[in-house]
Amino acid sequence: MQLLEDGVPLAELSIERIARTAGVGKATIYRRWSGKEELFVDVLRTAEPPDPELPGTSMRDDLIVILESLRQRGLVSRSSAILHNVYVQMKTSPRIWAAYHAGVVAPRRVLMLDVLRRGQRDGELRPDIDLDLANDMFVGAMLVRTVMRPDGDLPEDLAEHIVDITLEGLRPVSSTVS
């Protein structure tokens, strides 16, 4: 983190430089991480808020908790010049982006898909819904607000609004016979 705070670009970070800055040998670093990519992803993970614990009361409640977690991450990223810079640099390194995606993004996507599958199974979501697309609809709305519109408002009830508006079109239509 110190090197990143000092503005060292990712391309100039090496295990040797990291070890020297930390006052340890390279072997110490390699005992814990297999390379710079894994170390970097761990640094990013520790800088982010922890993954939320889901209440499990309903699909809607779980979706709100997940999206609120994304909103909180957005707030942290916006207020941290270091994290913003790191995310930008990370996108230019395919290996680091792949490690971040595998270790951070993919597990969160699996969690969200599990919630949506449970909602579909329990009748909270229509059976014909493409769950990958639904996942993108929920998460995409929050990511646009937090990442693509850095000056956009992130009100406390944003997660709830996104979930409720999106679910309006994804819920089963009740068949009332007159």
N, C-alpha and C. Protein backbone atom coordinates (compact mmCIF):
# COMPACT_ATOMS: atom_id res chain seq x y z
N MET A 1 0.84 -1.19 0.00
CA MET A 1 0.00 0.00 0.00
C MET A 1 0.87 1.24 0.00
N GLN A 2 1.98 1.20 0.74
CA GLN A 2 2.86 2.37 0.80
C GLN A 2 3.37 2.74 -0.58
N LEU A 3 3.79 1.76 -1.35
CA LEU A 3 4.28 2.04 -2.70
C LEU A 3 3.17 2.65 -3.57
N LEU A 4 1.97 2.12 -3.45
CA LEU A 4 0.85 2.67 -4.21
C LEU A 4 0.53 4.09 -3.76
N GLU A 5 0.57 4.32 -2.44
CA GLU A 5 0.34 5.67 -1.92
C GLU A 5 1.39 6.64 -2.42
N ASP A 6 2.62 6.13 -2.63
CA ASP A 6 3.71 6.96 -3.15
C ASP A 6 3.60 7.19 -4.65
N GLY A 7 2.58 6.58 -5.27
CA GLY A 7 2.35 6.80 -6.69
C GLY A 7 3.15 5.90 -7.61
N VAL A 8 3.71 4.82 -7.09
CA VAL A 8 4.47 3.90 -7.94
C VAL A 8 3.50 3.17 -8.86
N PRO A 9 3.69 3.27 -10.18
CA PRO A 9 2.80 2.56 -11.11
C PRO A 9 2.96 1.04 -10.97
N LEU A 10 1.89 0.32 -11.27
CA LEU A 10 1.92 -1.14 -11.16
C LEU A 10 3.04 -1.74 -12.00
N ALA A 11 3.28 -1.17 -13.15
CA ALA A 11 4.33 -1.71 -14.03
C ALA A 11 5.70 -1.67 -13.36
N GLU A 12 5.89 -0.74 -12.43
CA GLU A 12 7.18 -0.61 -11.75
C GLU A 12 7.25 -1.37 -10.44
N LEU A 13 6.14 -1.97 -10.04
CA LEU A 13 6.17 -2.77 -8.81
C LEU A 13 6.75 -4.13 -9.11
N SER A 14 7.68 -4.55 -8.30
CA SER A 14 8.26 -5.88 -8.44
C SER A 14 8.29 -6.50 -7.05
N ILE A 15 8.38 -7.82 -7.00
CA ILE A 15 8.46 -8.49 -5.71
C ILE A 15 9.69 -8.00 -4.96
N GLU A 16 10.77 -7.80 -5.68
CA GLU A 16 12.01 -7.30 -5.05
C GLU A 16 11.78 -5.94 -4.39
N ARG A 17 11.14 -5.04 -5.13
CA ARG A 17 10.89 -3.70 -4.59
C ARG A 17 9.91 -3.75 -3.41
N ILE A 18 8.90 -4.59 -3.52
CA ILE A 18 7.92 -4.73 -2.44
C ILE A 18 8.61 -5.27 -1.19
N ALA A 19 9.43 -6.31 -1.37
CA ALA A 19 10.15 -6.91 -0.23
C ALA A 19 11.09 -5.89 0.40
N ARG A 20 11.81 -5.15 -0.41
CA ARG A 20 12.74 -4.14 0.11
C ARG A 20 11.98 -3.08 0.92
N THR A 21 10.85 -2.62 0.39
CA THR A 21 10.05 -1.62 1.08
C THR A 21 9.50 -2.16 2.40
N ALA A 22 9.11 -3.44 2.40
CA ALA A 22 8.56 -4.07 3.61
C ALA A 22 9.65 -4.48 4.59
N GLY A 23 10.90 -4.44 4.15
CA GLY A 23 12.00 -4.82 5.03
C GLY A 23 12.10 -6.33 5.24
N VAL A 24 11.72 -7.09 4.22
CA VAL A 24 11.79 -8.54 4.29
C VAL A 24 12.48 -9.06 3.03
N GLY A 25 12.80 -10.34 3.03
CA GLY A 25 13.37 -10.97 1.85
C GLY A 25 12.29 -11.38 0.87
N LYS A 26 12.68 -11.57 -0.39
CA LYS A 26 11.71 -11.99 -1.40
C LYS A 26 11.06 -13.32 -1.04
N ALA A 27 11.83 -14.20 -0.40
CA ALA A 27 11.30 -15.52 -0.03
C ALA A 27 10.09 -15.37 0.90
N THR A 28 10.13 -14.38 1.77
CA THR A 28 9.01 -14.13 2.68
C THR A 28 7.75 -13.81 1.89
N ILE A 29 7.88 -13.00 0.87
CA ILE A 29 6.74 -12.64 0.03
C ILE A 29 6.23 -13.88 -0.71
N TYR A 30 7.17 -14.63 -1.30
CA TYR A 30 6.77 -15.81 -2.10
C TYR A 30 6.17 -16.93 -1.25
N ARG A 31 6.44 -16.94 0.04
CA ARG A 31 5.80 -17.95 0.91
C ARG A 31 4.30 -17.74 0.98
N ARG A 32 3.89 -16.51 0.85
CA ARG A 32 2.46 -16.20 0.98
C ARG A 32 1.76 -15.99 -0.37
N TRP A 33 2.47 -15.42 -1.32
CA TRP A 33 1.88 -15.14 -2.63
C TRP A 33 2.77 -15.72 -3.72
N SER A 34 2.15 -16.24 -4.77
CA SER A 34 2.94 -16.84 -5.85
C SER A 34 3.51 -15.78 -6.79
N GLY A 35 2.99 -14.57 -6.71
CA GLY A 35 3.50 -13.50 -7.57
C GLY A 35 2.86 -12.17 -7.27
N LYS A 36 3.27 -11.19 -8.04
CA LYS A 36 2.80 -9.81 -7.86
C LYS A 36 1.29 -9.70 -8.01
N GLU A 37 0.73 -10.46 -8.95
CA GLU A 37 -0.71 -10.36 -9.21
C GLU A 37 -1.53 -10.76 -7.99
N GLU A 38 -1.17 -11.89 -7.37
CA GLU A 38 -1.91 -12.38 -6.21
C GLU A 38 -1.75 -11.43 -5.02
N LEU A 39 -0.56 -10.91 -4.84
CA LEU A 39 -0.30 -9.94 -3.77
C LEU A 39 -1.15 -8.69 -3.98
N PHE A 40 -1.17 -8.21 -5.21
CA PHE A 40 -1.92 -7.01 -5.53
C PHE A 40 -3.41 -7.19 -5.28
N VAL A 41 -3.94 -8.34 -5.69
CA VAL A 41 -5.37 -8.62 -5.47
C VAL A 41 -5.66 -8.66 -3.98
N ASP A 42 -4.77 -9.25 -3.18
CA ASP A 42 -4.97 -9.26 -1.72
C ASP A 42 -4.96 -7.85 -1.15
N VAL A 43 -4.09 -7.00 -1.66
CA VAL A 43 -4.06 -5.61 -1.21
C VAL A 43 -5.40 -4.94 -1.51
N LEU A 44 -5.92 -5.17 -2.71
CA LEU A 44 -7.22 -4.59 -3.07
C LEU A 44 -8.33 -5.11 -2.17
N ARG A 45 -8.32 -6.43 -1.92
CA ARG A 45 -9.35 -7.03 -1.05
C ARG A 45 -9.35 -6.40 0.32
N THR A 46 -8.17 -6.19 0.89
CA THR A 46 -8.11 -5.63 2.25
C THR A 46 -8.53 -4.17 2.28
N ALA A 47 -8.42 -3.49 1.16
CA ALA A 47 -8.81 -2.07 1.12
C ALA A 47 -10.32 -1.90 0.94
N GLU A 48 -11.01 -2.96 0.54
CA GLU A 48 -12.45 -2.88 0.31
C GLU A 48 -13.21 -3.31 1.56
N PRO A 49 -14.47 -2.87 1.65
CA PRO A 49 -15.30 -3.37 2.75
C PRO A 49 -15.47 -4.88 2.62
N PRO A 50 -15.69 -5.57 3.73
CA PRO A 50 -15.87 -7.03 3.66
C PRO A 50 -17.16 -7.39 2.93
N ASP A 51 -17.19 -8.61 2.38
CA ASP A 51 -18.41 -9.08 1.73
C ASP A 51 -19.52 -9.16 2.78
N PRO A 52 -20.74 -8.85 2.38
CA PRO A 52 -21.84 -8.82 3.35
C PRO A 52 -22.32 -10.21 3.72
N GLU A 53 -22.91 -10.29 4.90
CA GLU A 53 -23.61 -11.52 5.29
C GLU A 53 -25.06 -11.33 4.87
N LEU A 54 -25.58 -12.29 4.14
CA LEU A 54 -26.94 -12.17 3.62
C LEU A 54 -27.96 -12.62 4.67
N PRO A 55 -29.08 -11.88 4.79
CA PRO A 55 -30.09 -12.26 5.77
C PRO A 55 -30.81 -13.56 5.41
N GLY A 56 -30.94 -13.87 4.10
CA GLY A 56 -31.61 -15.10 3.69
C GLY A 56 -33.10 -15.10 3.90
N THR A 57 -33.69 -13.94 4.19
CA THR A 57 -35.12 -13.86 4.45
C THR A 57 -35.94 -13.86 3.16
N SER A 58 -35.38 -13.27 2.10
CA SER A 58 -36.03 -13.25 0.80
C SER A 58 -34.99 -12.88 -0.25
N MET A 59 -35.32 -13.15 -1.49
CA MET A 59 -34.42 -12.76 -2.57
C MET A 59 -34.25 -11.24 -2.56
N ARG A 60 -35.32 -10.52 -2.41
CA ARG A 60 -35.26 -9.05 -2.41
C ARG A 60 -34.32 -8.55 -1.33
N ASP A 61 -34.47 -9.07 -0.10
CA ASP A 61 -33.61 -8.61 1.00
C ASP A 61 -32.14 -8.90 0.71
N ASP A 62 -31.85 -10.08 0.18
CA ASP A 62 -30.47 -10.43 -0.13
C ASP A 62 -29.91 -9.56 -1.25
N LEU A 63 -30.73 -9.29 -2.27
CA LEU A 63 -30.28 -8.42 -3.36
C LEU A 63 -29.95 -7.02 -2.86
N ILE A 64 -30.78 -6.51 -1.98
CA ILE A 64 -30.54 -5.17 -1.42
C ILE A 64 -29.22 -5.16 -0.66
N VAL A 65 -28.95 -6.18 0.13
CA VAL A 65 -27.70 -6.25 0.89
C VAL A 65 -26.49 -6.30 -0.05
N ILE A 66 -26.59 -7.10 -1.10
CA ILE A 66 -25.48 -7.20 -2.06
C ILE A 66 -25.25 -5.87 -2.77
N LEU A 67 -26.32 -5.23 -3.22
CA LEU A 67 -26.16 -3.95 -3.93
C LEU A 67 -25.71 -2.85 -2.99
N GLU A 68 -26.15 -2.90 -1.74
CA GLU A 68 -25.67 -1.91 -0.76
C GLU A 68 -24.17 -2.06 -0.55
N SER A 69 -23.70 -3.29 -0.55
CA SER A 69 -22.27 -3.55 -0.43
C SER A 69 -21.53 -2.93 -1.62
N LEU A 70 -22.09 -3.04 -2.82
CA LEU A 70 -21.47 -2.42 -4.00
C LEU A 70 -21.49 -0.89 -3.88
N ARG A 71 -22.57 -0.36 -3.34
CA ARG A 71 -22.64 1.10 -3.15
C ARG A 71 -21.56 1.55 -2.18
N GLN A 72 -21.40 0.79 -1.09
CA GLN A 72 -20.36 1.12 -0.10
C GLN A 72 -18.98 1.05 -0.73
N ARG A 73 -18.73 0.03 -1.55
CA ARG A 73 -17.44 -0.07 -2.25
C ARG A 73 -17.24 1.14 -3.14
N GLY A 74 -18.30 1.57 -3.80
CA GLY A 74 -18.22 2.76 -4.65
C GLY A 74 -17.86 4.00 -3.85
N LEU A 75 -18.46 4.14 -2.69
CA LEU A 75 -18.14 5.28 -1.83
C LEU A 75 -16.68 5.25 -1.40
N VAL A 76 -16.17 4.06 -1.04
CA VAL A 76 -14.78 3.92 -0.63
C VAL A 76 -13.86 4.26 -1.80
N SER A 77 -14.17 3.74 -2.98
CA SER A 77 -13.33 4.00 -4.16
C SER A 77 -13.33 5.47 -4.53
N ARG A 78 -14.49 6.10 -4.41
CA ARG A 78 -14.56 7.53 -4.74
C ARG A 78 -13.73 8.37 -3.79
N SER A 79 -13.70 7.99 -2.52
CA SER A 79 -13.00 8.80 -1.53
C SER A 79 -11.52 8.45 -1.44
N SER A 80 -11.10 7.40 -2.12
CA SER A 80 -9.71 6.98 -2.07
C SER A 80 -9.05 7.17 -3.42
N ALA A 81 -8.20 8.19 -3.53
CA ALA A 81 -7.47 8.42 -4.78
C ALA A 81 -6.60 7.22 -5.10
N ILE A 82 -6.09 6.56 -4.07
CA ILE A 82 -5.23 5.39 -4.29
C ILE A 82 -6.03 4.29 -4.97
N LEU A 83 -7.19 3.94 -4.41
CA LEU A 83 -8.00 2.86 -5.00
C LEU A 83 -8.44 3.21 -6.41
N HIS A 84 -8.83 4.45 -6.63
CA HIS A 84 -9.25 4.85 -7.97
C HIS A 84 -8.09 4.65 -8.95
N ASN A 85 -6.92 5.10 -8.57
CA ASN A 85 -5.74 4.96 -9.42
C ASN A 85 -5.40 3.49 -9.65
N VAL A 86 -5.50 2.70 -8.60
CA VAL A 86 -5.18 1.27 -8.69
C VAL A 86 -6.14 0.57 -9.65
N TYR A 87 -7.43 0.86 -9.56
CA TYR A 87 -8.40 0.23 -10.45
C TYR A 87 -8.10 0.58 -11.91
N VAL A 88 -7.76 1.83 -12.15
CA VAL A 88 -7.44 2.25 -13.51
C VAL A 88 -6.21 1.50 -14.01
N GLN A 89 -5.16 1.43 -13.18
CA GLN A 89 -3.93 0.73 -13.58
C GLN A 89 -4.18 -0.76 -13.76
N MET A 90 -5.00 -1.33 -12.91
CA MET A 90 -5.26 -2.76 -12.95
C MET A 90 -5.86 -3.15 -14.30
N LYS A 91 -6.71 -2.31 -14.83
CA LYS A 91 -7.37 -2.62 -16.11
C LYS A 91 -6.36 -2.72 -17.25
N THR A 92 -5.19 -2.09 -17.10
CA THR A 92 -4.18 -2.15 -18.16
C THR A 92 -3.29 -3.38 -18.05
N SER A 93 -3.44 -4.15 -17.00
CA SER A 93 -2.65 -5.37 -16.82
C SER A 93 -3.57 -6.58 -16.90
N PRO A 94 -3.56 -7.28 -18.02
CA PRO A 94 -4.46 -8.43 -18.17
C PRO A 94 -4.27 -9.49 -17.08
N ARG A 95 -3.03 -9.74 -16.65
CA ARG A 95 -2.80 -10.76 -15.63
C ARG A 95 -3.38 -10.34 -14.28
N ILE A 96 -3.19 -9.09 -13.92
CA ILE A 96 -3.72 -8.62 -12.63
C ILE A 96 -5.25 -8.55 -12.70
N TRP A 97 -5.77 -8.07 -13.83
CA TRP A 97 -7.23 -8.02 -13.98
C TRP A 97 -7.81 -9.43 -13.89
N ALA A 98 -7.16 -10.41 -14.53
CA ALA A 98 -7.64 -11.79 -14.49
C ALA A 98 -7.60 -12.34 -13.06
N ALA A 99 -6.54 -12.04 -12.32
CA ALA A 99 -6.44 -12.49 -10.93
C ALA A 99 -7.51 -11.83 -10.07
N TYR A 100 -7.75 -10.54 -10.27
CA TYR A 100 -8.77 -9.82 -9.52
C TYR A 100 -10.16 -10.38 -9.87
N HIS A 101 -10.38 -10.61 -11.14
CA HIS A 101 -11.67 -11.15 -11.57
C HIS A 101 -11.91 -12.52 -10.95
N ALA A 102 -10.90 -13.39 -11.00
CA ALA A 102 -11.05 -14.75 -10.46
C ALA A 102 -11.21 -14.75 -8.95
N GLY A 103 -10.50 -13.87 -8.26
CA GLY A 103 -10.53 -13.88 -6.80
C GLY A 103 -11.57 -13.01 -6.16
N VAL A 104 -12.07 -12.00 -6.87
CA VAL A 104 -13.01 -11.05 -6.27
C VAL A 104 -14.33 -11.00 -7.04
N VAL A 105 -14.27 -10.74 -8.33
CA VAL A 105 -15.49 -10.53 -9.11
C VAL A 105 -16.27 -11.84 -9.28
N ALA A 106 -15.61 -12.90 -9.70
CA ALA A 106 -16.30 -14.17 -9.97
C ALA A 106 -17.03 -14.72 -8.73
N PRO A 107 -16.39 -14.75 -7.54
CA PRO A 107 -17.13 -15.25 -6.38
C PRO A 107 -18.36 -14.41 -6.04
N ARG A 108 -18.27 -13.11 -6.23
CA ARG A 108 -19.43 -12.25 -5.97
C ARG A 108 -20.54 -12.52 -6.99
N ARG A 109 -20.14 -12.79 -8.22
CA ARG A 109 -21.12 -13.10 -9.26
C ARG A 109 -21.83 -14.42 -8.93
N VAL A 110 -21.08 -15.40 -8.47
CA VAL A 110 -21.67 -16.69 -8.08
C VAL A 110 -22.67 -16.49 -6.94
N LEU A 111 -22.30 -15.67 -5.96
CA LEU A 111 -23.21 -15.39 -4.84
C LEU A 111 -24.51 -14.78 -5.34
N MET A 112 -24.40 -13.80 -6.22
CA MET A 112 -25.59 -13.14 -6.75
C MET A 112 -26.45 -14.13 -7.54
N LEU A 113 -25.82 -14.95 -8.37
CA LEU A 113 -26.57 -15.95 -9.14
C LEU A 113 -27.26 -16.95 -8.23
N ASP A 114 -26.61 -17.33 -7.13
CA ASP A 114 -27.25 -18.23 -6.16
C ASP A 114 -28.51 -17.61 -5.57
N VAL A 115 -28.43 -16.33 -5.25
CA VAL A 115 -29.60 -15.62 -4.70
C VAL A 115 -30.72 -15.61 -5.75
N LEU A 116 -30.38 -15.32 -6.99
CA LEU A 116 -31.39 -15.27 -8.05
C LEU A 116 -31.99 -16.66 -8.31
N ARG A 117 -31.15 -17.69 -8.29
CA ARG A 117 -31.67 -19.07 -8.47
C ARG A 117 -32.65 -19.42 -7.36
N ARG A 118 -32.29 -19.06 -6.14
CA ARG A 118 -33.17 -19.34 -5.00
C ARG A 118 -34.48 -18.59 -5.17
N GLY A 119 -34.40 -17.34 -5.62
CA GLY A 119 -35.61 -16.55 -5.86
C GLY A 119 -36.48 -17.16 -6.93
N GLN A 120 -35.85 -17.68 -7.97
CA GLN A 120 -36.61 -18.34 -9.03
C GLN A 120 -37.25 -19.62 -8.50
N ARG A 121 -36.50 -20.38 -7.75
CA ARG A 121 -37.02 -21.64 -7.17
C ARG A 121 -38.19 -21.37 -6.22
N ASP A 122 -38.10 -20.29 -5.46
CA ASP A 122 -39.13 -19.97 -4.46
C ASP A 122 -40.29 -19.16 -5.03
N GLY A 123 -40.29 -18.91 -6.34
CA GLY A 123 -41.39 -18.20 -6.96
C GLY A 123 -41.32 -16.69 -6.83
N GLU A 124 -40.18 -16.15 -6.42
CA GLU A 124 -40.03 -14.68 -6.33
C GLU A 124 -39.60 -14.08 -7.66
N LEU A 125 -39.23 -14.94 -8.60
CA LEU A 125 -38.74 -14.51 -9.89
C LEU A 125 -39.33 -15.43 -10.95
N ARG A 126 -39.73 -14.87 -12.06
CA ARG A 126 -40.32 -15.69 -13.12
C ARG A 126 -39.35 -16.78 -13.56
N PRO A 127 -39.86 -17.95 -13.92
CA PRO A 127 -38.99 -19.07 -14.32
C PRO A 127 -38.31 -18.85 -15.67
N ASP A 128 -38.83 -17.93 -16.50
CA ASP A 128 -38.26 -17.73 -17.84
C ASP A 128 -37.14 -16.68 -17.87
N ILE A 129 -36.77 -16.14 -16.71
CA ILE A 129 -35.77 -15.07 -16.65
C ILE A 129 -34.37 -15.64 -16.86
N ASP A 130 -33.60 -15.00 -17.72
CA ASP A 130 -32.18 -15.32 -17.92
C ASP A 130 -31.44 -14.74 -16.71
N LEU A 131 -30.96 -15.61 -15.83
CA LEU A 131 -30.37 -15.16 -14.57
C LEU A 131 -29.06 -14.41 -14.77
N ASP A 132 -28.29 -14.77 -15.78
CA ASP A 132 -27.06 -14.00 -16.05
C ASP A 132 -27.41 -12.57 -16.42
N LEU A 133 -28.41 -12.41 -17.26
CA LEU A 133 -28.84 -11.08 -17.66
C LEU A 133 -29.43 -10.31 -16.47
N ALA A 134 -30.24 -10.98 -15.67
CA ALA A 134 -30.82 -10.33 -14.49
C ALA A 134 -29.70 -9.87 -13.55
N ASN A 135 -28.69 -10.70 -13.36
CA ASN A 135 -27.55 -10.33 -12.53
C ASN A 135 -26.92 -9.05 -13.07
N ASP A 136 -26.69 -9.02 -14.38
CA ASP A 136 -26.09 -7.83 -15.00
C ASP A 136 -26.98 -6.60 -14.82
N MET A 137 -28.29 -6.80 -14.86
CA MET A 137 -29.20 -5.67 -14.70
C MET A 137 -29.10 -5.06 -13.31
N PHE A 138 -29.06 -5.91 -12.29
CA PHE A 138 -28.95 -5.40 -10.91
C PHE A 138 -27.58 -4.76 -10.68
N VAL A 139 -26.55 -5.52 -10.93
CA VAL A 139 -25.19 -5.05 -10.65
C VAL A 139 -24.81 -3.90 -11.57
N GLY A 140 -25.20 -4.01 -12.83
CA GLY A 140 -24.85 -2.97 -13.80
C GLY A 140 -25.39 -1.60 -13.41
N ALA A 141 -26.61 -1.57 -12.93
CA ALA A 141 -27.19 -0.29 -12.52
C ALA A 141 -26.36 0.36 -11.41
N MET A 142 -25.93 -0.45 -10.44
CA MET A 142 -25.13 0.10 -9.34
C MET A 142 -23.73 0.48 -9.83
N LEU A 143 -23.14 -0.33 -10.68
CA LEU A 143 -21.80 0.00 -11.17
C LEU A 143 -21.79 1.26 -12.02
N VAL A 144 -22.83 1.46 -12.81
CA VAL A 144 -22.90 2.70 -13.59
C VAL A 144 -22.91 3.89 -12.63
N ARG A 145 -23.71 3.81 -11.58
CA ARG A 145 -23.78 4.90 -10.62
C ARG A 145 -22.47 5.12 -9.88
N THR A 146 -21.82 4.03 -9.47
CA THR A 146 -20.63 4.17 -8.62
C THR A 146 -19.35 4.40 -9.41
N VAL A 147 -19.26 3.84 -10.62
CA VAL A 147 -18.01 3.90 -11.37
C VAL A 147 -18.09 4.85 -12.57
N MET A 148 -19.12 4.70 -13.37
CA MET A 148 -19.21 5.47 -14.61
C MET A 148 -19.69 6.91 -14.40
N ARG A 149 -20.34 7.13 -13.28
CA ARG A 149 -20.83 8.49 -12.97
C ARG A 149 -20.27 8.91 -11.62
N PRO A 150 -18.97 9.20 -11.57
CA PRO A 150 -18.34 9.50 -10.28
C PRO A 150 -18.92 10.70 -9.55
N ASP A 151 -19.66 11.55 -10.26
CA ASP A 151 -20.30 12.68 -9.60
C ASP A 151 -21.77 12.42 -9.32
N GLY A 152 -22.25 11.22 -9.70
CA GLY A 152 -23.65 10.84 -9.48
C GLY A 152 -23.95 10.63 -8.01
N ASP A 153 -25.18 10.88 -7.66
CA ASP A 153 -25.63 10.74 -6.28
C ASP A 153 -25.71 9.26 -5.90
N LEU A 154 -25.26 8.93 -4.68
CA LEU A 154 -25.34 7.57 -4.16
C LEU A 154 -26.14 7.59 -2.84
N PRO A 155 -27.45 7.88 -2.93
CA PRO A 155 -28.24 7.97 -1.69
C PRO A 155 -28.32 6.63 -0.97
N GLU A 156 -28.58 6.69 0.32
CA GLU A 156 -28.63 5.49 1.16
C GLU A 156 -29.66 4.47 0.69
N ASP A 157 -30.72 4.91 0.04
CA ASP A 157 -31.76 3.98 -0.40
C ASP A 157 -31.60 3.55 -1.86
N LEU A 158 -30.44 3.80 -2.46
CA LEU A 158 -30.23 3.49 -3.86
C LEU A 158 -30.36 1.99 -4.14
N ALA A 159 -29.76 1.15 -3.31
CA ALA A 159 -29.84 -0.30 -3.52
C ALA A 159 -31.30 -0.76 -3.52
N GLU A 160 -32.07 -0.28 -2.58
CA GLU A 160 -33.48 -0.66 -2.49
C GLU A 160 -34.25 -0.21 -3.74
N HIS A 161 -33.97 1.01 -4.21
CA HIS A 161 -34.66 1.50 -5.41
C HIS A 161 -34.30 0.66 -6.64
N ILE A 162 -33.02 0.35 -6.80
CA ILE A 162 -32.60 -0.46 -7.95
C ILE A 162 -33.27 -1.82 -7.91
N VAL A 163 -33.26 -2.47 -6.76
CA VAL A 163 -33.86 -3.80 -6.63
C VAL A 163 -35.35 -3.73 -6.91
N ASP A 164 -36.06 -2.80 -6.31
CA ASP A 164 -37.51 -2.73 -6.48
C ASP A 164 -37.90 -2.40 -7.92
N ILE A 165 -37.21 -1.47 -8.55
CA ILE A 165 -37.54 -1.10 -9.93
C ILE A 165 -37.26 -2.26 -10.87
N THR A 166 -36.13 -2.93 -10.67
CA THR A 166 -35.78 -4.05 -11.54
C THR A 166 -36.71 -5.24 -11.32
N LEU A 167 -37.01 -5.54 -10.07
CA LEU A 167 -37.90 -6.67 -9.78
C LEU A 167 -39.30 -6.46 -10.34
N GLU A 168 -39.70 -5.22 -10.49
CA GLU A 168 -41.04 -4.92 -11.01
C GLU A 168 -41.27 -5.65 -12.33
N GLY A 169 -40.25 -5.72 -13.17
CA GLY A 169 -40.40 -6.39 -14.45
C GLY A 169 -40.01 -7.87 -14.44
N LEU A 170 -39.43 -8.35 -13.35
CA LEU A 170 -38.95 -9.72 -13.30
C LEU A 170 -39.81 -10.65 -12.45
N ARG A 171 -40.69 -10.06 -11.65
CA ARG A 171 -41.54 -10.88 -10.79
C ARG A 171 -42.59 -11.63 -11.57
N PRO A 172 -43.04 -12.75 -11.03
CA PRO A 172 -44.14 -13.46 -11.68
C PRO A 172 -45.40 -12.57 -11.68
N VAL A 173 -46.16 -12.65 -12.75
CA VAL A 173 -47.41 -11.92 -12.83
C VAL A 173 -48.47 -12.79 -12.17
N SER A 174 -49.17 -12.20 -11.19
CA SER A 174 -50.20 -13.01 -10.51
C SER A 174 -51.38 -13.17 -11.44
N SER A 175 -51.87 -14.37 -11.51
CA SER A 175 -53.00 -14.64 -12.39
C SER A 175 -54.28 -14.59 -11.57
N THR A 176 -54.96 -13.48 -11.68
CA THR A 176 -56.22 -13.32 -10.96
C THR A 176 -57.36 -13.58 -11.92
N VAL A 177 -58.22 -14.48 -11.54
CA VAL A 177 -59.38 -14.82 -12.38
C VAL A 177 -60.61 -14.09 -11.83
N SER A 178 -61.31 -13.38 -12.72
CA SER A 178 -62.51 -12.67 -12.27
C SER A 178 -63.74 -13.45 -12.59
